[in-house]
Amino acid sequence: MSTARIDLALKKQRLQFRSSALRNELAGHATFFTPLFAAGDKVREGARWLQRNPEVMVAAGVALVVARPRNVFRWARRGVVAWQAWGRLNAWIDTRRGTQ
């Protein structure tokens, strides 16, 4: 084997060792985020469950309307207004960008 090939093989090996060390270091730093990822997974799992069981949301909505109709309608109105404002904002941003 030529000296250049040996040098390249050694350089490759050093890079692989360094990469392995950096991966281990990153894994050590990522343990901080593990609870956040777990919470995100639970939220996603709950959303999927609600998609499979929409009757639960309907029942909760009916219970809220029966228990406190004034509050439900107030928040529903606020939600509609926010949704419309969001649509107008997106339309305005699209026109400013020049895309339609």
PDB file of N, CA and C in Angstrom:
ATOM      1  N   MET A   1       0.837  -1.180   0.000  1.00  0.00           N
ATOM      2  CA  MET A   1       0.000   0.000   0.000  1.00  0.00           C
ATOM      3  C   MET A   1       0.882   1.244   0.000  1.00  0.00           C
ATOM      4  N   SER A   2       0.427   2.244  -0.707  1.00  0.00           N
ATOM      5  CA  SER A   2       1.217   3.466  -0.763  1.00  0.00           C
ATOM      6  C   SER A   2       1.027   4.300   0.500  1.00  0.00           C
ATOM      7  N   THR A   3       1.932   5.190   0.713  1.00  0.00           N
ATOM      8  CA  THR A   3       1.891   6.034   1.897  1.00  0.00           C
ATOM      9  C   THR A   3       0.656   6.919   1.885  1.00  0.00           C
ATOM     10  N   ALA A   4       0.257   7.389   0.715  1.00  0.00           N
ATOM     11  CA  ALA A   4      -0.925   8.256   0.609  1.00  0.00           C
ATOM     12  C   ALA A   4      -2.179   7.499   1.030  1.00  0.00           C
ATOM     13  N   ARG A   5      -2.279   6.233   0.623  1.00  0.00           N
ATOM     14  CA  ARG A   5      -3.443   5.434   1.005  1.00  0.00           C
ATOM     15  C   ARG A   5      -3.468   5.162   2.506  1.00  0.00           C
ATOM     16  N   ILE A   6      -2.321   4.906   3.065  1.00  0.00           N
ATOM     17  CA  ILE A   6      -2.247   4.674   4.506  1.00  0.00           C
ATOM     18  C   ILE A   6      -2.633   5.941   5.260  1.00  0.00           C
ATOM     19  N   ASP A   7      -2.140   7.078   4.790  1.00  0.00           N
ATOM     20  CA  ASP A   7      -2.495   8.357   5.423  1.00  0.00           C
ATOM     21  C   ASP A   7      -3.996   8.605   5.343  1.00  0.00           C
ATOM     22  N   LEU A   8      -4.585   8.318   4.187  1.00  0.00           N
ATOM     23  CA  LEU A   8      -6.031   8.498   4.026  1.00  0.00           C
ATOM     24  C   LEU A   8      -6.811   7.546   4.935  1.00  0.00           C
ATOM     25  N   ALA A   9      -6.345   6.304   5.036  1.00  0.00           N
ATOM     26  CA  ALA A   9      -7.025   5.334   5.893  1.00  0.00           C
ATOM     27  C   ALA A   9      -6.939   5.754   7.361  1.00  0.00           C
ATOM     28  N   LEU A  10      -5.781   6.274   7.776  1.00  0.00           N
ATOM     29  CA  LEU A  10      -5.632   6.758   9.153  1.00  0.00           C
ATOM     30  C   LEU A  10      -6.509   7.976   9.412  1.00  0.00           C
ATOM     31  N   LYS A  11      -6.560   8.870   8.445  1.00  0.00           N
ATOM     32  CA  LYS A  11      -7.402  10.065   8.574  1.00  0.00           C
ATOM     33  C   LYS A  11      -8.869   9.660   8.668  1.00  0.00           C
ATOM     34  N   LYS A  12      -9.274   8.700   7.851  1.00  0.00           N
ATOM     35  CA  LYS A  12     -10.651   8.205   7.893  1.00  0.00           C
ATOM     36  C   LYS A  12     -10.962   7.604   9.258  1.00  0.00           C
ATOM     37  N   GLN A  13     -10.030   6.828   9.776  1.00  0.00           N
ATOM     38  CA  GLN A  13     -10.241   6.192  11.075  1.00  0.00           C
ATOM     39  C   GLN A  13     -10.348   7.232  12.179  1.00  0.00           C
ATOM     40  N   ARG A  14      -9.490   8.267  12.152  1.00  0.00           N
ATOM     41  CA  ARG A  14      -9.560   9.334  13.152  1.00  0.00           C
ATOM     42  C   ARG A  14     -10.898  10.075  13.062  1.00  0.00           C
ATOM     43  N   LEU A  15     -11.349  10.321  11.855  1.00  0.00           N
ATOM     44  CA  LEU A  15     -12.643  10.994  11.670  1.00  0.00           C
ATOM     45  C   LEU A  15     -13.787  10.136  12.196  1.00  0.00           C
ATOM     46  N   GLN A  16     -13.698   8.835  11.977  1.00  0.00           N
ATOM     47  CA  GLN A  16     -14.743   7.941  12.484  1.00  0.00           C
ATOM     48  C   GLN A  16     -14.763   7.926  14.013  1.00  0.00           C
ATOM     49  N   PHE A  17     -13.585   7.916  14.631  1.00  0.00           N
ATOM     50  CA  PHE A  17     -13.515   7.969  16.088  1.00  0.00           C
ATOM     51  C   PHE A  17     -14.082   9.290  16.613  1.00  0.00           C
ATOM     52  N   ARG A  18     -13.706  10.376  15.955  1.00  0.00           N
ATOM     53  CA  ARG A  18     -14.202  11.698  16.370  1.00  0.00           C
ATOM     54  C   ARG A  18     -15.719  11.772  16.205  1.00  0.00           C
ATOM     55  N   SER A  19     -16.217  11.233  15.110  1.00  0.00           N
ATOM     56  CA  SER A  19     -17.660  11.224  14.869  1.00  0.00           C
ATOM     57  C   SER A  19     -18.386  10.423  15.938  1.00  0.00           C
ATOM     58  N   SER A  20     -17.825   9.296  16.314  1.00  0.00           N
ATOM     59  CA  SER A  20     -18.419   8.473  17.359  1.00  0.00           C
ATOM     60  C   SER A  20     -18.441   9.221  18.689  1.00  0.00           C
ATOM     61  N   ALA A  21     -17.357   9.915  19.000  1.00  0.00           N
ATOM     62  CA  ALA A  21     -17.295  10.682  20.244  1.00  0.00           C
ATOM     63  C   ALA A  21     -18.328  11.806  20.228  1.00  0.00           C
ATOM     64  N   LEU A  22     -18.469  12.480  19.103  1.00  0.00           N
ATOM     65  CA  LEU A  22     -19.443  13.564  18.999  1.00  0.00           C
ATOM     66  C   LEU A  22     -20.874  13.036  19.118  1.00  0.00           C
ATOM     67  N   ARG A  23     -21.154  11.862  18.538  1.00  0.00           N
ATOM     68  CA  ARG A  23     -22.486  11.266  18.669  1.00  0.00           C
ATOM     69  C   ARG A  23     -22.795  10.950  20.121  1.00  0.00           C
ATOM     70  N   ASN A  24     -21.820  10.393  20.828  1.00  0.00           N
ATOM     71  CA  ASN A  24     -22.015  10.085  22.247  1.00  0.00           C
ATOM     72  C   ASN A  24     -22.231  11.357  23.062  1.00  0.00           C
ATOM     73  N   GLU A  25     -21.485  12.413  22.746  1.00  0.00           N
ATOM     74  CA  GLU A  25     -21.647  13.688  23.439  1.00  0.00           C
ATOM     75  C   GLU A  25     -23.031  14.273  23.171  1.00  0.00           C
ATOM     76  N   LEU A  26     -23.472  14.200  21.926  1.00  0.00           N
ATOM     77  CA  LEU A  26     -24.802  14.697  21.576  1.00  0.00           C
ATOM     78  C   LEU A  26     -25.887  13.908  22.297  1.00  0.00           C
ATOM     79  N   ALA A  27     -25.713  12.603  22.381  1.00  0.00           N
ATOM     80  CA  ALA A  27     -26.693  11.774  23.095  1.00  0.00           C
ATOM     81  C   ALA A  27     -26.756  12.173  24.564  1.00  0.00           C
ATOM     82  N   GLY A  28     -25.618  12.512  25.138  1.00  0.00           N
ATOM     83  CA  GLY A  28     -25.602  12.959  26.529  1.00  0.00           C
ATOM     84  C   GLY A  28     -26.339  14.277  26.706  1.00  0.00           C
ATOM     85  N   HIS A  29     -26.170  15.201  25.754  1.00  0.00           N
ATOM     86  CA  HIS A  29     -26.868  16.483  25.825  1.00  0.00           C
ATOM     87  C   HIS A  29     -28.357  16.327  25.547  1.00  0.00           C
ATOM     88  N   ALA A  30     -28.720  15.373  24.740  1.00  0.00           N
ATOM     89  CA  ALA A  30     -30.119  15.197  24.343  1.00  0.00           C
ATOM     90  C   ALA A  30     -30.972  14.624  25.464  1.00  0.00           C
ATOM     91  N   THR A  31     -30.363  14.072  26.503  1.00  0.00           N
ATOM     92  CA  THR A  31     -31.167  13.522  27.597  1.00  0.00           C
ATOM     93  C   THR A  31     -31.986  14.607  28.279  1.00  0.00           C
ATOM     94  N   PHE A  32     -31.543  15.852  28.180  1.00  0.00           N
ATOM     95  CA  PHE A  32     -32.297  16.977  28.727  1.00  0.00           C
ATOM     96  C   PHE A  32     -33.667  17.082  28.059  1.00  0.00           C
ATOM     97  N   PHE A  33     -33.733  16.778  26.762  1.00  0.00           N
ATOM     98  CA  PHE A  33     -34.972  16.930  26.005  1.00  0.00           C
ATOM     99  C   PHE A  33     -35.887  15.709  26.067  1.00  0.00           C
ATOM    100  N   THR A  34     -35.445  14.625  26.664  1.00  0.00           N
ATOM    101  CA  THR A  34     -36.231  13.395  26.707  1.00  0.00           C
ATOM    102  C   THR A  34     -37.623  13.601  27.296  1.00  0.00           C
ATOM    103  N   PRO A  35     -37.778  14.313  28.424  1.00  0.00           N
ATOM    104  CA  PRO A  35     -39.134  14.526  28.946  1.00  0.00           C
ATOM    105  C   PRO A  35     -40.016  15.339  27.987  1.00  0.00           C
ATOM    106  N   LEU A  36     -39.402  16.296  27.295  1.00  0.00           N
ATOM    107  CA  LEU A  36     -40.183  17.087  26.336  1.00  0.00           C
ATOM    108  C   LEU A  36     -40.663  16.218  25.181  1.00  0.00           C
ATOM    109  N   PHE A  37     -39.781  15.367  24.689  1.00  0.00           N
ATOM    110  CA  PHE A  37     -40.167  14.476  23.603  1.00  0.00           C
ATOM    111  C   PHE A  37     -41.239  13.493  24.062  1.00  0.00           C
ATOM    112  N   ALA A  38     -41.118  13.009  25.283  1.00  0.00           N
ATOM    113  CA  ALA A  38     -42.116  12.083  25.822  1.00  0.00           C
ATOM    114  C   ALA A  38     -43.471  12.771  25.931  1.00  0.00           C
ATOM    115  N   ALA A  39     -43.475  14.013  26.383  1.00  0.00           N
ATOM    116  CA  ALA A  39     -44.741  14.758  26.475  1.00  0.00           C
ATOM    117  C   ALA A  39     -45.335  14.984  25.089  1.00  0.00           C
ATOM    118  N   GLY A  40     -44.492  15.313  24.135  1.00  0.00           N
ATOM    119  CA  GLY A  40     -44.966  15.489  22.764  1.00  0.00           C
ATOM    120  C   GLY A  40     -45.555  14.210  22.196  1.00  0.00           C
ATOM    121  N   ASP A  41     -44.920  13.088  22.485  1.00  0.00           N
ATOM    122  CA  ASP A  41     -45.437  11.796  22.034  1.00  0.00           C
ATOM    123  C   ASP A  41     -46.807  11.509  22.647  1.00  0.00           C
ATOM    124  N   LYS A  42     -46.974  11.855  23.938  1.00  0.00           N
ATOM    125  CA  LYS A  42     -48.263  11.623  24.591  1.00  0.00           C
ATOM    126  C   LYS A  42     -49.350  12.513  23.995  1.00  0.00           C
ATOM    127  N   VAL A  43     -48.998  13.751  23.682  1.00  0.00           N
ATOM    128  CA  VAL A  43     -49.981  14.657  23.062  1.00  0.00           C
ATOM    129  C   VAL A  43     -50.394  14.118  21.701  1.00  0.00           C
ATOM    130  N   ARG A  44     -49.417  13.691  20.902  1.00  0.00           N
ATOM    131  CA  ARG A  44     -49.725  13.141  19.580  1.00  0.00           C
ATOM    132  C   ARG A  44     -50.574  11.878  19.697  1.00  0.00           C
ATOM    133  N   GLU A  45     -50.241  11.044  20.678  1.00  0.00           N
ATOM    134  CA  GLU A  45     -51.019   9.822  20.910  1.00  0.00           C
ATOM    135  C   GLU A  45     -52.461  10.162  21.303  1.00  0.00           C
ATOM    136  N   GLY A  46     -52.623  11.176  22.153  1.00  0.00           N
ATOM    137  CA  GLY A  46     -53.966  11.619  22.548  1.00  0.00           C
ATOM    138  C   GLY A  46     -54.753  12.169  21.371  1.00  0.00           C
ATOM    139  N   ALA A  47     -54.083  12.927  20.507  1.00  0.00           N
ATOM    140  CA  ALA A  47     -54.759  13.472  19.321  1.00  0.00           C
ATOM    141  C   ALA A  47     -55.206  12.345  18.392  1.00  0.00           C
ATOM    142  N   ARG A  48     -54.364  11.343  18.230  1.00  0.00           N
ATOM    143  CA  ARG A  48     -54.752  10.201  17.393  1.00  0.00           C
ATOM    144  C   ARG A  48     -55.939   9.457  18.003  1.00  0.00           C
ATOM    145  N   TRP A  49     -55.938   9.338  19.337  1.00  0.00           N
ATOM    146  CA  TRP A  49     -57.055   8.667  19.997  1.00  0.00           C
ATOM    147  C   TRP A  49     -58.342   9.457  19.773  1.00  0.00           C
ATOM    148  N   LEU A  50     -58.248  10.780  19.864  1.00  0.00           N
ATOM    149  CA  LEU A  50     -59.435  11.607  19.630  1.00  0.00           C
ATOM    150  C   LEU A  50     -59.921  11.496  18.186  1.00  0.00           C
ATOM    151  N   GLN A  51     -58.992  11.346  17.247  1.00  0.00           N
ATOM    152  CA  GLN A  51     -59.404  11.159  15.854  1.00  0.00           C
ATOM    153  C   GLN A  51     -60.147   9.838  15.681  1.00  0.00           C
ATOM    154  N   ARG A  52     -59.736   8.823  16.415  1.00  0.00           N
ATOM    155  CA  ARG A  52     -60.408   7.526  16.320  1.00  0.00           C
ATOM    156  C   ARG A  52     -61.719   7.507  17.101  1.00  0.00           C
ATOM    157  N   ASN A  53     -61.877   8.402  18.071  1.00  0.00           N
ATOM    158  CA  ASN A  53     -63.068   8.448  18.928  1.00  0.00           C
ATOM    159  C   ASN A  53     -63.667   9.861  18.953  1.00  0.00           C
ATOM    160  N   PRO A  54     -64.181  10.333  17.837  1.00  0.00           N
ATOM    161  CA  PRO A  54     -64.694  11.709  17.792  1.00  0.00           C
ATOM    162  C   PRO A  54     -65.928  11.918  18.667  1.00  0.00           C
ATOM    163  N   GLU A  55     -66.608  10.838  19.018  1.00  0.00           N
ATOM    164  CA  GLU A  55     -67.811  10.977  19.841  1.00  0.00           C
ATOM    165  C   GLU A  55     -67.491  11.565  21.214  1.00  0.00           C
ATOM    166  N   VAL A  56     -66.258  11.377  21.681  1.00  0.00           N
ATOM    167  CA  VAL A  56     -65.850  11.940  22.968  1.00  0.00           C
ATOM    168  C   VAL A  56     -65.840  13.464  22.876  1.00  0.00           C
ATOM    169  N   MET A  57     -65.320  13.997  21.790  1.00  0.00           N
ATOM    170  CA  MET A  57     -65.294  15.456  21.611  1.00  0.00           C
ATOM    171  C   MET A  57     -66.711  16.011  21.493  1.00  0.00           C
ATOM    172  N   VAL A  58     -67.561  15.304  20.782  1.00  0.00           N
ATOM    173  CA  VAL A  58     -68.951  15.751  20.637  1.00  0.00           C
ATOM    174  C   VAL A  58     -69.632  15.752  22.002  1.00  0.00           C
ATOM    175  N   ALA A  59     -69.436  14.707  22.767  1.00  0.00           N
ATOM    176  CA  ALA A  59     -70.042  14.626  24.094  1.00  0.00           C
ATOM    177  C   ALA A  59     -69.525  15.742  25.002  1.00  0.00           C
ATOM    178  N   ALA A  60     -68.234  16.024  24.946  1.00  0.00           N
ATOM    179  CA  ALA A  60     -67.671  17.107  25.759  1.00  0.00           C
ATOM    180  C   ALA A  60     -68.242  18.451  25.332  1.00  0.00           C
ATOM    181  N   GLY A  61     -68.379  18.649  24.025  1.00  0.00           N
ATOM    182  CA  GLY A  61     -68.965  19.892  23.532  1.00  0.00           C
ATOM    183  C   GLY A  61     -70.407  20.062  23.978  1.00  0.00           C
ATOM    184  N   VAL A  62     -71.185  19.002  23.887  1.00  0.00           N
ATOM    185  CA  VAL A  62     -72.588  19.061  24.325  1.00  0.00           C
ATOM    186  C   VAL A  62     -72.656  19.331  25.825  1.00  0.00           C
ATOM    187  N   ALA A  63     -71.802  18.690  26.597  1.00  0.00           N
ATOM    188  CA  ALA A  63     -71.793  18.915  28.049  1.00  0.00           C
ATOM    189  C   ALA A  63     -71.458  20.364  28.376  1.00  0.00           C
ATOM    190  N   LEU A  64     -70.509  20.933  27.661  1.00  0.00           N
ATOM    191  CA  LEU A  64     -70.168  22.336  27.890  1.00  0.00           C
ATOM    192  C   LEU A  64     -71.314  23.270  27.528  1.00  0.00           C
ATOM    193  N   VAL A  65     -71.984  22.983  26.412  1.00  0.00           N
ATOM    194  CA  VAL A  65     -73.101  23.830  25.991  1.00  0.00           C
ATOM    195  C   VAL A  65     -74.234  23.749  27.004  1.00  0.00           C
ATOM    196  N   VAL A  66     -74.480  22.561  27.525  1.00  0.00           N
ATOM    197  CA  VAL A  66     -75.547  22.410  28.510  1.00  0.00           C
ATOM    198  C   VAL A  66     -75.160  23.080  29.822  1.00  0.00           C
ATOM    199  N   ALA A  67     -73.921  22.927  30.244  1.00  0.00           N
ATOM    200  CA  ALA A  67     -73.487  23.458  31.535  1.00  0.00           C
ATOM    201  C   ALA A  67     -73.324  24.978  31.511  1.00  0.00           C
ATOM    202  N   ARG A  68     -72.666  25.496  30.511  1.00  0.00           N
ATOM    203  CA  ARG A  68     -72.377  26.932  30.447  1.00  0.00           C
ATOM    204  C   ARG A  68     -72.509  27.436  29.010  1.00  0.00           C
ATOM    205  N   PRO A  69     -73.713  27.587  28.524  1.00  0.00           N
ATOM    206  CA  PRO A  69     -73.871  27.969  27.122  1.00  0.00           C
ATOM    207  C   PRO A  69     -73.296  29.354  26.806  1.00  0.00           C
ATOM    208  N   ARG A  70     -73.416  30.288  27.720  1.00  0.00           N
ATOM    209  CA  ARG A  70     -72.930  31.646  27.437  1.00  0.00           C
ATOM    210  C   ARG A  70     -71.426  31.652  27.206  1.00  0.00           C
ATOM    211  N   ASN A  71     -70.690  30.956  28.077  1.00  0.00           N
ATOM    212  CA  ASN A  71     -69.233  30.898  27.918  1.00  0.00           C
ATOM    213  C   ASN A  71     -68.820  30.176  26.639  1.00  0.00           C
ATOM    214  N   VAL A  72     -69.522  29.093  26.322  1.00  0.00           N
ATOM    215  CA  VAL A  72     -69.184  28.331  25.119  1.00  0.00           C
ATOM    216  C   VAL A  72     -69.387  29.183  23.882  1.00  0.00           C
ATOM    217  N   PHE A  73     -70.504  29.887  23.803  1.00  0.00           N
ATOM    218  CA  PHE A  73     -70.760  30.708  22.627  1.00  0.00           C
ATOM    219  C   PHE A  73     -69.807  31.895  22.551  1.00  0.00           C
ATOM    220  N   ARG A  74     -69.420  32.442  23.697  1.00  0.00           N
ATOM    221  CA  ARG A  74     -68.458  33.543  23.711  1.00  0.00           C
ATOM    222  C   ARG A  74     -67.118  33.069  23.159  1.00  0.00           C
ATOM    223  N   TRP A  75     -66.642  31.912  23.622  1.00  0.00           N
ATOM    224  CA  TRP A  75     -65.372  31.395  23.140  1.00  0.00           C
ATOM    225  C   TRP A  75     -65.455  30.935  21.686  1.00  0.00           C
ATOM    226  N   ALA A  76     -66.611  30.416  21.295  1.00  0.00           N
ATOM    227  CA  ALA A  76     -66.785  30.026  19.893  1.00  0.00           C
ATOM    228  C   ALA A  76     -66.703  31.256  18.994  1.00  0.00           C
ATOM    229  N   ARG A  77     -67.325  32.345  19.412  1.00  0.00           N
ATOM    230  CA  ARG A  77     -67.281  33.584  18.632  1.00  0.00           C
ATOM    231  C   ARG A  77     -65.841  34.089  18.546  1.00  0.00           C
ATOM    232  N   ARG A  78     -65.122  34.055  19.658  1.00  0.00           N
ATOM    233  CA  ARG A  78     -63.718  34.481  19.647  1.00  0.00           C
ATOM    234  C   ARG A  78     -62.887  33.599  18.717  1.00  0.00           C
ATOM    235  N   GLY A  79     -63.173  32.303  18.736  1.00  0.00           N
ATOM    236  CA  GLY A  79     -62.439  31.392  17.856  1.00  0.00           C
ATOM    237  C   GLY A  79     -62.693  31.685  16.392  1.00  0.00           C
ATOM    238  N   VAL A  80     -63.944  31.985  16.052  1.00  0.00           N
ATOM    239  CA  VAL A  80     -64.275  32.298  14.658  1.00  0.00           C
ATOM    240  C   VAL A  80     -63.589  33.592  14.241  1.00  0.00           C
ATOM    241  N   VAL A  81     -63.613  34.584  15.106  1.00  0.00           N
ATOM    242  CA  VAL A  81     -62.960  35.853  14.789  1.00  0.00           C
ATOM    243  C   VAL A  81     -61.459  35.650  14.612  1.00  0.00           C
ATOM    244  N   ALA A  82     -60.835  34.874  15.486  1.00  0.00           N
ATOM    245  CA  ALA A  82     -59.400  34.602  15.367  1.00  0.00           C
ATOM    246  C   ALA A  82     -59.094  33.843  14.076  1.00  0.00           C
ATOM    247  N   TRP A  83     -59.943  32.893  13.740  1.00  0.00           N
ATOM    248  CA  TRP A  83     -59.739  32.116  12.509  1.00  0.00           C
ATOM    249  C   TRP A  83     -59.834  33.014  11.286  1.00  0.00           C
ATOM    250  N   GLN A  84     -60.820  33.916  11.266  1.00  0.00           N
ATOM    251  CA  GLN A  84     -60.964  34.841  10.147  1.00  0.00           C
ATOM    252  C   GLN A  84     -59.781  35.799  10.069  1.00  0.00           C
ATOM    253  N   ALA A  85     -59.331  36.286  11.217  1.00  0.00           N
ATOM    254  CA  ALA A  85     -58.174  37.186  11.230  1.00  0.00           C
ATOM    255  C   ALA A  85     -56.931  36.468  10.715  1.00  0.00           C
ATOM    256  N   TRP A  86     -56.778  35.213  11.092  1.00  0.00           N
ATOM    257  CA  TRP A  86     -55.643  34.431  10.612  1.00  0.00           C
ATOM    258  C   TRP A  86     -55.693  34.287   9.088  1.00  0.00           C
ATOM    259  N   GLY A  87     -56.880  34.023   8.554  1.00  0.00           N
ATOM    260  CA  GLY A  87     -57.024  33.913   7.107  1.00  0.00           C
ATOM    261  C   GLY A  87     -56.695  35.216   6.401  1.00  0.00           C
ATOM    262  N   ARG A  88     -57.160  36.342   6.957  1.00  0.00           N
ATOM    263  CA  ARG A  88     -56.853  37.640   6.361  1.00  0.00           C
ATOM    264  C   ARG A  88     -55.359  37.934   6.433  1.00  0.00           C
ATOM    265  N   LEU A  89     -54.739  37.587   7.545  1.00  0.00           N
ATOM    266  CA  LEU A  89     -53.304  37.812   7.692  1.00  0.00           C
ATOM    267  C   LEU A  89     -52.521  36.995   6.669  1.00  0.00           C
ATOM    268  N   ASN A  90     -52.898  35.733   6.493  1.00  0.00           N
ATOM    269  CA  ASN A  90     -52.220  34.897   5.497  1.00  0.00           C
ATOM    270  C   ASN A  90     -52.406  35.453   4.093  1.00  0.00           C
ATOM    271  N   ALA A  91     -53.626  35.925   3.781  1.00  0.00           N
ATOM    272  CA  ALA A  91     -53.873  36.511   2.461  1.00  0.00           C
ATOM    273  C   ALA A  91     -53.022  37.762   2.270  1.00  0.00           C
ATOM    274  N   TRP A  92     -52.936  38.590   3.310  1.00  0.00           N
ATOM    275  CA  TRP A  92     -52.140  39.810   3.219  1.00  0.00           C
ATOM    276  C   TRP A  92     -50.662  39.482   3.018  1.00  0.00           C
ATOM    277  N   ILE A  93     -50.158  38.471   3.748  1.00  0.00           N
ATOM    278  CA  ILE A  93     -48.765  38.075   3.606  1.00  0.00           C
ATOM    279  C   ILE A  93     -48.508  37.553   2.195  1.00  0.00           C
ATOM    280  N   ASP A  94     -49.449  36.773   1.657  1.00  0.00           N
ATOM    281  CA  ASP A  94     -49.284  36.247   0.296  1.00  0.00           C
ATOM    282  C   ASP A  94     -49.242  37.369  -0.733  1.00  0.00           C
ATOM    283  N   THR A  95     -50.066  38.395  -0.561  1.00  0.00           N
ATOM    284  CA  THR A  95     -50.047  39.500  -1.522  1.00  0.00           C
ATOM    285  C   THR A  95     -48.755  40.305  -1.386  1.00  0.00           C
ATOM    286  N   ARG A  96     -48.229  40.432  -0.177  1.00  0.00           N
ATOM    287  CA  ARG A  96     -46.968  41.159   0.020  1.00  0.00           C
ATOM    288  C   ARG A  96     -45.794  40.396  -0.598  1.00  0.00           C
ATOM    289  N   ARG A  97     -45.881  39.077  -0.573  1.00  0.00           N
ATOM    290  CA  ARG A  97     -44.835  38.243  -1.162  1.00  0.00           C
ATOM    291  C   ARG A  97     -44.949  38.187  -2.673  1.00  0.00           C
ATOM    292  N   GLY A  98     -46.139  38.468  -3.172  1.00  0.00           N
ATOM    293  CA  GLY A  98     -46.360  38.403  -4.612  1.00  0.00           C
ATOM    294  C   GLY A  98     -46.868  37.060  -5.084  1.00  0.00           C
ATOM    295  N   THR A  99     -47.206  36.154  -4.169  1.00  0.00           N
ATOM    296  CA  THR A  99     -47.757  34.855  -4.544  1.00  0.00           C
ATOM    297  C   THR A  99     -49.245  34.856  -4.287  1.00  0.00           C
ATOM    298  N   GLN A 100     -49.955  34.162  -5.111  1.00  0.00           N
ATOM    299  CA  GLN A 100     -51.412  34.111  -4.915  1.00  0.00           C
ATOM    300  C   GLN A 100     -51.945  32.756  -5.244  1.00  0.00           C
TER     301      GLN A 100
END
